[in-house]
Amino acid sequence: MKTLYLDCSMGAAGDMLCASLLELLPDPDAAIRDLNAIGIPHVVFKKTVSVKCGIAGTHLSVCVDGEEEHAHIHDHPHHSHSDLASIETILAGLHVSDGVRSDALHVYRLIAEAESQVHGCPVADIHFHEVGTLDAIADVTAFCVLTERIKPDRIIASPVHVGSGTVRCAHGVLPVPAPATAYLLKEVPIYGGEIKGELCTPTGAALLRHFVTQFGSMPAMRVSAIGYGMGTKDFDTANCVRAMLGEAETRDTETIFELSANVDDMTAEQIGFASERLFEAGAVEVYTVPIGMKKSRPGTLIRAIARRDEKDSVLSAFFRHTTTLGVREVETKRYILSRTVDAKETALGAVRVKRSEGYGAVRTKVEYEDLARIAKERNITLSEAAALVNKEIERHG
């Protein structure tokens, strides 16, 4: 299976993600010419060699009327705040495939939903700030175009380093990760650290949320190409996204750890709260089983399934949020189906369809968030929304 793995140990910004994919292609210069032909108003893509900590990679810049966009984010005349309708109008006029246009639109809808949740107002009233500027439109569209050209069967990413401290945005000084970024990365394994600054941007978070089907360690794969997408800032660690393209086995296994503890002095509410914290710490699964303990006391077995990279943080959550004095560990393997996500444009709007296959099984499922959006918009039940979406998919193939 053709697999693209994204190493986000120094975060993820739109330009870095795009540059890493650019380096995977046999002719990056031709890809730049194609990007400049898609017709984003006033925009020209440029690539330059960038060296970080002795590693040579590519920096992709977006120039608006000859000036690099990031350097003039507060005073450039093309930085009017955009709503979703104006973004859709720009995307509709681009010389790209329907698939690219659908992917780009869905990424912006994810951002709009995040902004809506953060600001407490309807999606229709959202006006983009940093992510509404032309460079962000360029980054989103370019990533969609490059992904279509590479054609991976699946995209996997590492846990995402978000940085720490604060960042200055259009609304003022905000904690890292910025609220919209934090919302977009819900249920994605993330971590901070000592590096001060914003390592993962809203654009980068939205691209990962849309395209990545699995977050975790790099699978066993035969790597055929490696790309380094460089950021603009310098740190002690190379500031880049590393992309690795190769072939991985369709039948996937991964090493996981079963972490278990028995408790008999926690309430149901405390156990529920602890389970939520275990998920936040990076657990793949958390479940409980009623058990009998010593002196005939009823108790609860709490078990969390974690990958190697998240094991320590899950262990810490166990000891912090439960009353246990010890946690048992069993290292084992998990067989998993390969997963891909296709974005489909329907009369009900863009929907994502998850496809899982392997070991003779094939399953498809519409993304819950898309079903929930349709159900809310039409004031119908979730099952009724699923029936409508499935009928649309069958009609258009």
Foldseek 3Di string as FASTA:
>chain_A
DKEKEKEQALFFDLQQLLQFLLQQDPDSVVLQVVLQQFDQAQWHKDWDWDAAPRDIAIGIFIAGVRHTCVVQQPPDPQQDWAALVVLLVSLVSTPDDPQLSLQLSVLVVLLLVLVCVVVVHDSRPDTHGVCRGSVNSSSSSSSSRSCVVVVGQAYEYEAHEFEFDWDQTPVGIATTPRSSLVVLCVLGHYDYDDGHDGSYHSSGSSNCSRGHPYYHDDFDWDWDGKHWRQDDDHDPDGNTMIMTIGDDDQWDKAKKKKKKFKDQPDDPVLVVVLLVQLSNLAFPDWDKDWDADPPRGIIIMIITIHHPVSVVSSVVSCVVRDVGPDMDMDIDMDTFWDKGWGWDQFPLGIWIKIWTDDPHDIDIDIDQVSLVVSCVVVVHDSVVSRVVVVVRVVVVD
